[in-house]
Amino acid sequence: MVRLVSTGVLGLDILLGGGMVAGSTALIIGPVDVLKTYIAQQYLIEGLKANECCLYVTSLDVKEKVKEQFKYRFGFDVEPLMDNGLFELVEMELPDNSRVDVHKFENRFESLRSIITKVGDSNKCRIVINNLLHLFYLTDDSSKIVKSLTWLDSFRQRRGAESVLLYVMDSGGTSNMYEEVVKSLCDYVFELAKSDSVIGKLKILKAPTQHSVEWHELFFSGQVINLAVVM
């Protein structure tokens, strides 16, 4: 029987027939300030509440700020879960407005690979890498990023990973060709966009099952984001 993993967004789970297939890879893509990070953190919260081990790799915020975000946004204290190993938070250090040399890039991505490898065998694990675009800032040769992501995809398939890996990526920051390659490596692609009338909207660009191709409005239900679904 196929195990489904909740996205943490009720309306999106409904559109997907219950959630994402365990072992799959997903991408949330859209312009800045469209709640991509919020939804990714909500996905992690869903797992933490079910005592699933979770890994959050972020290039956006330092550890203390992330802990504050989880507490302020969701009323959820992740510090005890970090202490007992249920929640692991990894900061990706990036250069400020500059490129790093290839050797430093390779060392940093090898470190990221080792982190993913360590949790790859877990049957109850959610992984978020936020923001994928920032990896492209680490080198002038974007093909190295694509090769690394392809390696990661192949590794997870060989290991029979049960975790769902969720990438968060700003659109428009790299060439359209590389964005399309990233999408091709993912089983699910969710596009977010701004809206004048609501907090944002979401469309399923790709999924392994039959799905809606329409835009759906996002809205807050208490502290969590939900998706309007018209049946």
C-alpha atoms as a PDB file:
ATOM      1  CA  MET A   1       0.000   0.000   0.000  1.00  0.00           C
ATOM      2  CA  VAL A   2       1.304   3.450  -0.943  1.00  0.00           C
ATOM      3  CA  ARG A   3       2.073   5.654   2.059  1.00  0.00           C
ATOM      4  CA  LEU A   4       1.102   9.288   1.666  1.00  0.00           C
ATOM      5  CA  VAL A   5       2.772  12.173   3.460  1.00  0.00           C
ATOM      6  CA  SER A   6       0.681  15.230   4.264  1.00  0.00           C
ATOM      7  CA  THR A   7       1.833  18.552   2.839  1.00  0.00           C
ATOM      8  CA  GLY A   8       0.552  20.280   5.963  1.00  0.00           C
ATOM      9  CA  VAL A   9      -1.904  22.246   3.785  1.00  0.00           C
ATOM     10  CA  LEU A  10      -5.315  20.589   4.013  1.00  0.00           C
ATOM     11  CA  GLY A  11      -6.676  21.830   0.694  1.00  0.00           C
ATOM     12  CA  LEU A  12      -3.520  20.767  -1.131  1.00  0.00           C
ATOM     13  CA  ASP A  13      -3.730  17.292   0.405  1.00  0.00           C
ATOM     14  CA  ILE A  14      -7.297  17.036  -0.896  1.00  0.00           C
ATOM     15  CA  LEU A  15      -6.200  17.981  -4.420  1.00  0.00           C
ATOM     16  CA  LEU A  16      -3.405  15.398  -4.267  1.00  0.00           C
ATOM     17  CA  GLY A  17      -5.683  12.632  -3.056  1.00  0.00           C
ATOM     18  CA  GLY A  18      -4.291  12.567   0.474  1.00  0.00           C
ATOM     19  CA  GLY A  19      -0.776  13.932   0.203  1.00  0.00           C
ATOM     20  CA  MET A  20       2.560  13.224  -1.455  1.00  0.00           C
ATOM     21  CA  VAL A  21       3.856   9.716  -2.051  1.00  0.00           C
ATOM     22  CA  ALA A  22       6.555   8.690   0.425  1.00  0.00           C
ATOM     23  CA  GLY A  23       9.999   8.759  -1.151  1.00  0.00           C
ATOM     24  CA  SER A  24       9.138  11.523  -3.589  1.00  0.00           C
ATOM     25  CA  THR A  25      10.732  14.907  -4.213  1.00  0.00           C
ATOM     26  CA  ALA A  26       8.734  18.142  -4.351  1.00  0.00           C
ATOM     27  CA  LEU A  27       9.423  21.737  -5.311  1.00  0.00           C
ATOM     28  CA  ILE A  28       7.752  24.945  -4.183  1.00  0.00           C
ATOM     29  CA  ILE A  29       8.669  27.706  -6.637  1.00  0.00           C
ATOM     30  CA  GLY A  30       7.596  31.309  -7.026  1.00  0.00           C
ATOM     31  CA  PRO A  31       8.708  34.931  -6.625  1.00  0.00           C
ATOM     32  CA  VAL A  32       9.903  36.310  -3.308  1.00  0.00           C
ATOM     33  CA  ASP A  33       7.366  37.086  -0.580  1.00  0.00           C
ATOM     34  CA  VAL A  34       4.705  34.557  -1.588  1.00  0.00           C
ATOM     35  CA  LEU A  35       4.806  32.446   1.601  1.00  0.00           C
ATOM     36  CA  LYS A  36       7.006  29.669   0.215  1.00  0.00           C
ATOM     37  CA  THR A  37       9.025  29.431   3.423  1.00  0.00           C
ATOM     38  CA  TYR A  38       5.876  29.593   5.552  1.00  0.00           C
ATOM     39  CA  ILE A  39       4.362  26.612   3.721  1.00  0.00           C
ATOM     40  CA  ALA A  40       7.636  24.675   3.926  1.00  0.00           C
ATOM     41  CA  GLN A  41       7.813  25.232   7.676  1.00  0.00           C
ATOM     42  CA  GLN A  42       4.164  24.245   7.987  1.00  0.00           C
ATOM     43  CA  TYR A  43       5.051  20.981   6.229  1.00  0.00           C
ATOM     44  CA  LEU A  44       7.731  20.357   8.849  1.00  0.00           C
ATOM     45  CA  ILE A  45       5.384  21.214  11.710  1.00  0.00           C
ATOM     46  CA  GLU A  46       2.934  18.592  10.429  1.00  0.00           C
ATOM     47  CA  GLY A  47       5.653  15.990  10.759  1.00  0.00           C
ATOM     48  CA  LEU A  48       6.969  17.159  14.121  1.00  0.00           C
ATOM     49  CA  LYS A  49       3.489  16.989  15.624  1.00  0.00           C
ATOM     50  CA  ALA A  50       3.400  13.338  14.521  1.00  0.00           C
ATOM     51  CA  ASN A  51       6.851  12.693  16.068  1.00  0.00           C
ATOM     52  CA  GLU A  52       8.498  12.327  12.665  1.00  0.00           C
ATOM     53  CA  CYS A  53      12.152  13.267  12.458  1.00  0.00           C
ATOM     54  CA  CYS A  54      12.677  16.342  10.323  1.00  0.00           C
ATOM     55  CA  LEU A  55      15.642  18.081   8.735  1.00  0.00           C
ATOM     56  CA  TYR A  56      15.592  21.754   7.785  1.00  0.00           C
ATOM     57  CA  VAL A  57      18.509  23.034   5.718  1.00  0.00           C
ATOM     58  CA  THR A  58      18.286  26.786   5.312  1.00  0.00           C
ATOM     59  CA  SER A  59      20.399  29.477   3.693  1.00  0.00           C
ATOM     60  CA  LEU A  60      17.997  32.222   4.722  1.00  0.00           C
ATOM     61  CA  ASP A  61      18.036  32.443   8.502  1.00  0.00           C
ATOM     62  CA  VAL A  62      20.240  31.642  11.471  1.00  0.00           C
ATOM     63  CA  LYS A  63      19.186  28.996  13.967  1.00  0.00           C
ATOM     64  CA  GLU A  64      17.822  31.404  16.584  1.00  0.00           C
ATOM     65  CA  LYS A  65      15.669  33.216  14.029  1.00  0.00           C
ATOM     66  CA  VAL A  66      14.220  29.942  12.747  1.00  0.00           C
ATOM     67  CA  LYS A  67      13.270  28.916  16.288  1.00  0.00           C
ATOM     68  CA  GLU A  68      11.544  32.278  16.730  1.00  0.00           C
ATOM     69  CA  GLN A  69       9.684  31.828  13.424  1.00  0.00           C
ATOM     70  CA  PHE A  70       8.280  28.456  14.441  1.00  0.00           C
ATOM     71  CA  LYS A  71       7.164  29.809  17.805  1.00  0.00           C
ATOM     72  CA  TYR A  72       5.683  33.055  16.451  1.00  0.00           C
ATOM     73  CA  ARG A  73       4.025  31.615  13.351  1.00  0.00           C
ATOM     74  CA  PHE A  74       2.767  28.314  14.716  1.00  0.00           C
ATOM     75  CA  GLY A  75       3.047  28.568  18.491  1.00  0.00           C
ATOM     76  CA  PHE A  76       5.419  25.608  18.342  1.00  0.00           C
ATOM     77  CA  ASP A  77       8.625  25.348  20.383  1.00  0.00           C
ATOM     78  CA  VAL A  78      11.156  23.321  18.385  1.00  0.00           C
ATOM     79  CA  GLU A  79      14.019  23.668  20.876  1.00  0.00           C
ATOM     80  CA  PRO A  80      13.153  20.526  22.918  1.00  0.00           C
ATOM     81  CA  LEU A  81      12.861  18.581  19.660  1.00  0.00           C
ATOM     82  CA  MET A  82      16.267  19.840  18.576  1.00  0.00           C
ATOM     83  CA  ASP A  83      17.697  18.719  21.911  1.00  0.00           C
ATOM     84  CA  ASN A  84      16.353  15.169  21.521  1.00  0.00           C
ATOM     85  CA  GLY A  85      17.342  14.886  17.844  1.00  0.00           C
ATOM     86  CA  LEU A  86      13.848  14.810  16.373  1.00  0.00           C
ATOM     87  CA  PHE A  87      14.417  18.116  14.584  1.00  0.00           C
ATOM     88  CA  GLU A  88      17.746  18.976  12.988  1.00  0.00           C
ATOM     89  CA  LEU A  89      18.456  22.466  11.711  1.00  0.00           C
ATOM     90  CA  VAL A  90      21.403  23.119   9.426  1.00  0.00           C
ATOM     91  CA  GLU A  91      22.531  26.558   8.295  1.00  0.00           C
ATOM     92  CA  MET A  92      24.074  26.881   4.839  1.00  0.00           C
ATOM     93  CA  GLU A  93      26.588  29.701   4.941  1.00  0.00           C
ATOM     94  CA  LEU A  94      26.638  31.704   1.736  1.00  0.00           C
ATOM     95  CA  PRO A  95      28.907  34.542   0.631  1.00  0.00           C
ATOM     96  CA  ASP A  96      27.540  38.076   0.690  1.00  0.00           C
ATOM     97  CA  ASN A  97      27.235  39.387  -2.870  1.00  0.00           C
ATOM     98  CA  SER A  98      30.224  37.376  -4.049  1.00  0.00           C
ATOM     99  CA  ARG A  99      31.135  34.023  -5.533  1.00  0.00           C
ATOM    100  CA  VAL A 100      33.273  31.456  -3.786  1.00  0.00           C
ATOM    101  CA  ASP A 101      35.880  29.316  -5.463  1.00  0.00           C
ATOM    102  CA  VAL A 102      34.966  25.894  -6.797  1.00  0.00           C
ATOM    103  CA  HIS A 103      36.792  23.967  -4.063  1.00  0.00           C
ATOM    104  CA  LYS A 104      34.881  25.731  -1.288  1.00  0.00           C
ATOM    105  CA  PHE A 105      31.633  25.127  -3.163  1.00  0.00           C
ATOM    106  CA  GLU A 106      32.352  21.416  -3.521  1.00  0.00           C
ATOM    107  CA  ASN A 107      33.211  21.106   0.172  1.00  0.00           C
ATOM    108  CA  ARG A 108      29.965  22.781   1.176  1.00  0.00           C
ATOM    109  CA  PHE A 109      27.847  20.678  -1.136  1.00  0.00           C
ATOM    110  CA  GLU A 110      29.631  17.510  -0.001  1.00  0.00           C
ATOM    111  CA  SER A 111      28.670  18.498   3.541  1.00  0.00           C
ATOM    112  CA  LEU A 112      25.062  18.876   2.427  1.00  0.00           C
ATOM    113  CA  ARG A 113      25.204  15.472   0.752  1.00  0.00           C
ATOM    114  CA  SER A 114      26.444  13.873   3.947  1.00  0.00           C
ATOM    115  CA  ILE A 115      23.547  15.375   5.888  1.00  0.00           C
ATOM    116  CA  ILE A 116      21.000  14.011   3.420  1.00  0.00           C
ATOM    117  CA  THR A 117      22.752  10.629   3.418  1.00  0.00           C
ATOM    118  CA  LYS A 118      22.557  10.427   7.199  1.00  0.00           C
ATOM    119  CA  VAL A 119      18.783  10.802   7.280  1.00  0.00           C
ATOM    120  CA  GLY A 120      18.033   9.106   3.960  1.00  0.00           C
ATOM    121  CA  ASP A 121      17.203   5.722   5.449  1.00  0.00           C
ATOM    122  CA  SER A 122      14.595   7.010   7.862  1.00  0.00           C
ATOM    123  CA  ASN A 123      11.052   5.813   7.221  1.00  0.00           C
ATOM    124  CA  LYS A 124       9.648   8.838   9.010  1.00  0.00           C
ATOM    125  CA  CYS A 125      11.561  11.864   7.860  1.00  0.00           C
ATOM    126  CA  ARG A 126      10.760  15.154   6.185  1.00  0.00           C
ATOM    127  CA  ILE A 127      13.539  17.161   4.576  1.00  0.00           C
ATOM    128  CA  VAL A 128      13.362  20.791   3.459  1.00  0.00           C
ATOM    129  CA  ILE A 129      16.124  22.631   1.606  1.00  0.00           C
ATOM    130  CA  ASN A 130      15.443  26.360   1.567  1.00  0.00           C
ATOM    131  CA  ASN A 131      16.457  28.195  -0.633  1.00  0.00           C
ATOM    132  CA  LEU A 132      17.604  26.069  -3.538  1.00  0.00           C
ATOM    133  CA  LEU A 133      18.334  29.129  -5.672  1.00  0.00           C
ATOM    134  CA  HIS A 134      21.107  30.141  -3.301  1.00  0.00           C
ATOM    135  CA  LEU A 135      23.085  27.024  -4.213  1.00  0.00           C
ATOM    136  CA  PHE A 136      23.423  28.483  -7.702  1.00  0.00           C
ATOM    137  CA  TYR A 137      25.177  31.485  -6.156  1.00  0.00           C
ATOM    138  CA  LEU A 138      28.013  29.282  -4.960  1.00  0.00           C
ATOM    139  CA  THR A 139      29.584  28.720  -8.360  1.00  0.00           C
ATOM    140  CA  ASP A 140      29.821  30.220 -11.821  1.00  0.00           C
ATOM    141  CA  ASP A 141      29.137  26.772 -13.262  1.00  0.00           C
ATOM    142  CA  SER A 142      25.445  26.095 -12.610  1.00  0.00           C
ATOM    143  CA  SER A 143      25.787  22.651 -14.176  1.00  0.00           C
ATOM    144  CA  LYS A 144      27.568  21.567 -10.976  1.00  0.00           C
ATOM    145  CA  ILE A 145      24.388  22.236  -9.022  1.00  0.00           C
ATOM    146  CA  VAL A 146      22.307  20.247 -11.492  1.00  0.00           C
ATOM    147  CA  LYS A 147      24.766  17.334 -11.325  1.00  0.00           C
ATOM    148  CA  SER A 148      24.646  17.375  -7.532  1.00  0.00           C
ATOM    149  CA  LEU A 149      20.855  17.424  -7.475  1.00  0.00           C
ATOM    150  CA  THR A 150      20.788  14.590 -10.006  1.00  0.00           C
ATOM    151  CA  TRP A 151      23.171  12.626  -7.789  1.00  0.00           C
ATOM    152  CA  LEU A 152      20.910  13.246  -4.805  1.00  0.00           C
ATOM    153  CA  ASP A 153      17.858  12.054  -6.726  1.00  0.00           C
ATOM    154  CA  SER A 154      19.639   8.868  -7.836  1.00  0.00           C
ATOM    155  CA  PHE A 155      20.955   8.248  -4.321  1.00  0.00           C
ATOM    156  CA  ARG A 156      17.484   8.475  -2.817  1.00  0.00           C
ATOM    157  CA  GLN A 157      16.089   6.097  -5.428  1.00  0.00           C
ATOM    158  CA  ARG A 158      18.864   3.557  -4.839  1.00  0.00           C
ATOM    159  CA  ARG A 159      18.316   3.696  -1.093  1.00  0.00           C
ATOM    160  CA  GLY A 160      14.550   3.415  -1.455  1.00  0.00           C
ATOM    161  CA  ALA A 161      14.127   6.547   0.636  1.00  0.00           C
ATOM    162  CA  GLU A 162      10.794   6.909   2.401  1.00  0.00           C
ATOM    163  CA  SER A 163      11.249  10.589   3.218  1.00  0.00           C
ATOM    164  CA  VAL A 164       9.757  13.385   1.150  1.00  0.00           C
ATOM    165  CA  LEU A 165      12.370  15.937   0.133  1.00  0.00           C
ATOM    166  CA  LEU A 166      10.953  19.421  -0.382  1.00  0.00           C
ATOM    167  CA  TYR A 167      12.923  22.095  -2.207  1.00  0.00           C
ATOM    168  CA  VAL A 168      12.018  25.773  -1.895  1.00  0.00           C
ATOM    169  CA  MET A 169      13.192  27.964  -4.772  1.00  0.00           C
ATOM    170  CA  ASP A 170      12.791  31.595  -5.829  1.00  0.00           C
ATOM    171  CA  SER A 171      11.831  31.809  -9.487  1.00  0.00           C
ATOM    172  CA  GLY A 172      13.639  34.019 -11.978  1.00  0.00           C
ATOM    173  CA  GLY A 173      16.994  33.946 -10.188  1.00  0.00           C
ATOM    174  CA  THR A 174      18.688  31.559 -12.587  1.00  0.00           C
ATOM    175  CA  SER A 175      18.177  30.654 -16.218  1.00  0.00           C
ATOM    176  CA  ASN A 176      14.851  29.200 -17.280  1.00  0.00           C
ATOM    177  CA  MET A 177      16.711  26.125 -18.534  1.00  0.00           C
ATOM    178  CA  TYR A 178      18.030  25.283 -15.067  1.00  0.00           C
ATOM    179  CA  GLU A 179      14.652  25.947 -13.472  1.00  0.00           C
ATOM    180  CA  GLU A 180      13.127  23.446 -15.884  1.00  0.00           C
ATOM    181  CA  VAL A 181      15.837  20.894 -15.087  1.00  0.00           C
ATOM    182  CA  VAL A 182      15.108  21.230 -11.366  1.00  0.00           C
ATOM    183  CA  LYS A 183      11.407  20.747 -12.068  1.00  0.00           C
ATOM    184  CA  SER A 184      12.169  17.645 -14.111  1.00  0.00           C
ATOM    185  CA  LEU A 185      13.939  16.088 -11.109  1.00  0.00           C
ATOM    186  CA  CYS A 186      10.874  16.537  -8.902  1.00  0.00           C
ATOM    187  CA  ASP A 187       7.769  14.379  -8.658  1.00  0.00           C
ATOM    188  CA  TYR A 188       5.668  17.330  -7.482  1.00  0.00           C
ATOM    189  CA  VAL A 189       5.944  20.986  -8.484  1.00  0.00           C
ATOM    190  CA  PHE A 190       3.840  23.636  -6.762  1.00  0.00           C
ATOM    191  CA  GLU A 191       3.931  27.161  -8.153  1.00  0.00           C
ATOM    192  CA  LEU A 192       3.034  30.110  -5.942  1.00  0.00           C
ATOM    193  CA  ALA A 193       2.115  33.573  -7.154  1.00  0.00           C
ATOM    194  CA  LYS A 194       0.976  36.884  -5.732  1.00  0.00           C
ATOM    195  CA  SER A 195      -2.648  37.966  -5.822  1.00  0.00           C
ATOM    196  CA  ASP A 196      -4.301  41.346  -5.326  1.00  0.00           C
ATOM    197  CA  SER A 197      -7.358  39.905  -3.589  1.00  0.00           C
ATOM    198  CA  VAL A 198      -5.883  37.156  -1.340  1.00  0.00           C
ATOM    199  CA  ILE A 199      -2.579  36.359   0.393  1.00  0.00           C
ATOM    200  CA  GLY A 200      -1.470  34.354  -2.624  1.00  0.00           C
ATOM    201  CA  LYS A 201      -2.400  31.536  -4.955  1.00  0.00           C
ATOM    202  CA  LEU A 202      -1.059  28.088  -5.770  1.00  0.00           C
ATOM    203  CA  LYS A 203      -1.142  25.852  -8.811  1.00  0.00           C
ATOM    204  CA  ILE A 204      -0.014  22.240  -9.133  1.00  0.00           C
ATOM    205  CA  LEU A 205       2.319  22.158 -12.127  1.00  0.00           C
ATOM    206  CA  LYS A 206       3.315  18.537 -11.740  1.00  0.00           C
ATOM    207  CA  ALA A 207       2.156  15.472  -9.803  1.00  0.00           C
ATOM    208  CA  PRO A 208       2.273  11.705 -10.462  1.00  0.00           C
ATOM    209  CA  THR A 209      -1.508  11.451 -10.236  1.00  0.00           C
ATOM    210  CA  GLN A 210      -4.371  13.271 -11.929  1.00  0.00           C
ATOM    211  CA  HIS A 211      -4.685  16.757 -10.477  1.00  0.00           C
ATOM    212  CA  SER A 212      -6.231  20.182 -10.875  1.00  0.00           C
ATOM    213  CA  VAL A 213      -4.428  22.577 -13.230  1.00  0.00           C
ATOM    214  CA  GLU A 214      -6.225  25.674 -11.946  1.00  0.00           C
ATOM    215  CA  TRP A 215      -4.984  28.377  -9.616  1.00  0.00           C
ATOM    216  CA  HIS A 216      -6.295  28.013  -6.054  1.00  0.00           C
ATOM    217  CA  GLU A 217      -6.463  30.797  -3.495  1.00  0.00           C
ATOM    218  CA  LEU A 218      -4.416  30.602  -0.308  1.00  0.00           C
ATOM    219  CA  PHE A 219      -5.863  31.837   2.964  1.00  0.00           C
ATOM    220  CA  PHE A 220      -5.065  31.742   6.657  1.00  0.00           C
ATOM    221  CA  SER A 221      -7.060  29.442   8.911  1.00  0.00           C
ATOM    222  CA  GLY A 222      -5.865  30.465  12.336  1.00  0.00           C
ATOM    223  CA  GLN A 223      -2.077  30.250  12.233  1.00  0.00           C
ATOM    224  CA  VAL A 224      -1.858  27.851   9.295  1.00  0.00           C
ATOM    225  CA  ILE A 225      -2.208  28.376   5.565  1.00  0.00           C
ATOM    226  CA  ASN A 226      -4.966  26.531   3.739  1.00  0.00           C
ATOM    227  CA  LEU A 227      -5.977  26.222   0.095  1.00  0.00           C
ATOM    228  CA  ALA A 228      -9.435  26.937  -1.273  1.00  0.00           C
ATOM    229  CA  VAL A 229     -10.780  23.846  -3.022  1.00  0.00           C
ATOM    230  CA  VAL A 230     -13.965  23.866  -5.096  1.00  0.00           C
ATOM    231  CA  MET A 231     -15.243  20.332  -5.559  1.00  0.00           C
END
